[in-house]
C-alpha atoms as a PDB file:
ATOM      1  CA  MET A   1      -3.980   6.624  -9.185  1.00  0.00           C
ATOM      2  CA  LEU A   2      -3.054   4.090  -6.352  1.00  0.00           C
ATOM      3  CA  SER A   3      -5.301   3.144  -3.623  1.00  0.00           C
ATOM      4  CA  CYS A   4      -5.039   0.847  -0.388  1.00  0.00           C
ATOM      5  CA  GLU A   5      -8.281  -1.208   0.489  1.00  0.00           C
ATOM      6  CA  HIS A   6      -8.994  -3.789   3.013  1.00  0.00           C
ATOM      7  CA  ALA A   7      -9.645  -7.141   1.561  1.00  0.00           C
ATOM      8  CA  HIS A   8     -10.168  -9.499   4.429  1.00  0.00           C
ATOM      9  CA  LYS A   9      -8.780 -10.038   7.866  1.00  0.00           C
ATOM     10  CA  ALA A  10      -5.102  -8.853   7.795  1.00  0.00           C
ATOM     11  CA  LYS A  11      -5.118  -8.933   4.117  1.00  0.00           C
ATOM     12  CA  TRP A  12      -4.881  -5.548   2.337  1.00  0.00           C
ATOM     13  CA  GLN A  13      -4.593  -4.571  -1.255  1.00  0.00           C
ATOM     14  CA  LEU A  14      -2.595  -1.993  -3.261  1.00  0.00           C
ATOM     15  CA  ILE A  15      -4.599  -1.365  -6.444  1.00  0.00           C
ATOM     16  CA  ASN A  16      -3.792   0.793  -9.535  1.00  0.00           C
ATOM     17  CA  HIS A  17      -6.828   2.524 -10.628  1.00  0.00           C
ATOM     18  CA  GLY A  18      -4.909   4.573 -13.139  1.00  0.00           C
ATOM     19  CA  THR A  19      -4.257   4.150 -16.932  1.00  0.00           C
ATOM     20  CA  ALA A  20      -0.384   3.894 -16.725  1.00  0.00           C
ATOM     21  CA  THR A  21       2.026   1.513 -15.125  1.00  0.00           C
ATOM     22  CA  ALA A  22       3.375   2.406 -11.693  1.00  0.00           C
ATOM     23  CA  THR A  23       6.916   0.998 -11.426  1.00  0.00           C
ATOM     24  CA  ASN A  24       9.126   0.637  -8.500  1.00  0.00           C
ATOM     25  CA  VAL A  25       6.291   1.415  -6.188  1.00  0.00           C
ATOM     26  CA  ARG A  26       7.736   1.673  -2.633  1.00  0.00           C
ATOM     27  CA  VAL A  27       6.632   2.978   0.979  1.00  0.00           C
ATOM     28  CA  THR A  28       8.665   6.081   2.027  1.00  0.00           C
ATOM     29  CA  GLU A  29       8.160   5.560   5.777  1.00  0.00           C
ATOM     30  CA  ALA A  30       8.355   2.199   8.055  1.00  0.00           C
ATOM     31  CA  VAL A  31       4.982   0.855   8.695  1.00  0.00           C
ATOM     32  CA  GLY A  32       5.487  -1.401  11.658  1.00  0.00           C
ATOM     33  CA  ALA A  33       2.079  -3.168  11.349  1.00  0.00           C
ATOM     34  CA  MET A  34       3.106  -4.245   7.723  1.00  0.00           C
ATOM     35  CA  HIS A  35       4.059  -7.961   8.198  1.00  0.00           C
ATOM     36  CA  ARG A  36       6.574  -8.113   5.183  1.00  0.00           C
ATOM     37  CA  PRO A  37       8.007  -5.409   3.087  1.00  0.00           C
ATOM     38  CA  TRP A  38       6.935  -4.945  -0.416  1.00  0.00           C
ATOM     39  CA  PRO A  39       9.229  -6.590  -3.075  1.00  0.00           C
ATOM     40  CA  GLU A  40      11.863  -4.196  -4.475  1.00  0.00           C
ATOM     41  CA  ASN A  41      10.822  -2.963  -7.937  1.00  0.00           C
ATOM     42  CA  LEU A  42       7.075  -3.702  -7.212  1.00  0.00           C
ATOM     43  CA  THR A  43       5.264  -2.903 -10.616  1.00  0.00           C
ATOM     44  CA  LEU A  44       1.573  -2.487 -11.046  1.00  0.00           C
ATOM     45  CA  ALA A  45       0.042  -2.313 -14.326  1.00  0.00           C
ATOM     46  CA  PRO A  46      -3.279  -0.556 -14.773  1.00  0.00           C
ATOM     47  CA  GLY A  47      -6.052  -2.473 -12.860  1.00  0.00           C
ATOM     48  CA  GLU A  48      -3.510  -4.812 -11.236  1.00  0.00           C
ATOM     49  CA  VAL A  49      -3.742  -5.643  -7.495  1.00  0.00           C
ATOM     50  CA  TYR A  50      -0.930  -6.458  -5.308  1.00  0.00           C
ATOM     51  CA  ASP A  51      -1.992  -8.299  -1.819  1.00  0.00           C
ATOM     52  CA  PHE A  52      -0.137  -7.508   1.425  1.00  0.00           C
ATOM     53  CA  LEU A  53      -0.543  -8.246   5.171  1.00  0.00           C
ATOM     54  CA  MET A  54      -1.071  -5.575   8.059  1.00  0.00           C
ATOM     55  CA  ALA A  55      -2.205  -6.202  11.331  1.00  0.00           C
ATOM     56  CA  GLY A  56      -2.339  -3.460  14.224  1.00  0.00           C
ATOM     57  CA  SER A  57      -1.367  -3.980  17.742  1.00  0.00           C
ATOM     58  CA  MET A  58      -1.377  -1.765  20.814  1.00  0.00           C
ATOM     59  CA  GLN A  59       2.659  -1.335  19.973  1.00  0.00           C
ATOM     60  CA  GLU A  60       2.150  -1.008  16.158  1.00  0.00           C
ATOM     61  CA  PRO A  61      -1.457   0.179  15.430  1.00  0.00           C
ATOM     62  CA  LEU A  62      -2.652   0.043  11.631  1.00  0.00           C
ATOM     63  CA  PRO A  63      -1.399   3.498  10.190  1.00  0.00           C
ATOM     64  CA  SER A  64      -4.112   5.998   8.947  1.00  0.00           C
ATOM     65  CA  VAL A  65      -2.158   6.864   5.870  1.00  0.00           C
ATOM     66  CA  ILE A  66       0.667   4.998   3.960  1.00  0.00           C
ATOM     67  CA  ARG A  67       2.984   7.300   1.829  1.00  0.00           C
ATOM     68  CA  VAL A  68       4.095   5.830  -1.469  1.00  0.00           C
ATOM     69  CA  VAL A  69       6.258   6.937  -4.416  1.00  0.00           C
ATOM     70  CA  TRP A  70       6.993   5.424  -7.480  1.00  0.00           C
ATOM     71  CA  ASP A  71       9.168   6.185 -10.555  1.00  0.00           C
ATOM     72  CA  GLY A  72       7.892   9.685 -12.282  1.00  0.00           C
ATOM     73  CA  GLN A  73       6.104  10.451  -8.929  1.00  0.00           C
ATOM     74  CA  GLU A  74       8.839  11.217  -6.493  1.00  0.00           C
ATOM     75  CA  ASP A  75       6.661  13.412  -4.096  1.00  0.00           C
ATOM     76  CA  PRO A  76       5.143  11.111  -1.804  1.00  0.00           C
ATOM     77  CA  VAL A  77       1.578  10.295  -2.221  1.00  0.00           C
ATOM     78  CA  PRO A  78      -0.806   9.703   0.778  1.00  0.00           C
ATOM     79  CA  LEU A  79      -2.773   6.603   0.452  1.00  0.00           C
ATOM     80  CA  ARG A  80      -5.536   6.287   3.062  1.00  0.00           C
ATOM     81  CA  VAL A  81      -6.050   3.297   4.975  1.00  0.00           C
ATOM     82  CA  PRO A  82      -9.539   2.525   5.319  1.00  0.00           C
ATOM     83  CA  PRO A  83     -11.034   0.885   8.560  1.00  0.00           C
ATOM     84  CA  ARG A  84     -10.921  -3.088   8.638  1.00  0.00           C
ATOM     85  CA  ILE A  85     -14.255  -4.341   7.480  1.00  0.00           C
ATOM     86  CA  GLY A  86     -14.036  -7.598   9.016  1.00  0.00           C
END
């Protein structure tokens, strides 16, 4: 199971809480608040964390959900984007 968590300021984390490796993780819809795209073939082993940057603005607010897929999970999975904590 993947989750999206706020770390600090504009830093967010994609975390693999599952027991299997998630291979070729990708966002299914453009996220304007994301500062750079995730790398191609993003792979997260169980317990692994990927840091990324998102910052909302009036033109590009933070999304409430990011939809992701990975190899073996072709139906988009909505990951809730929690509020920033600081």
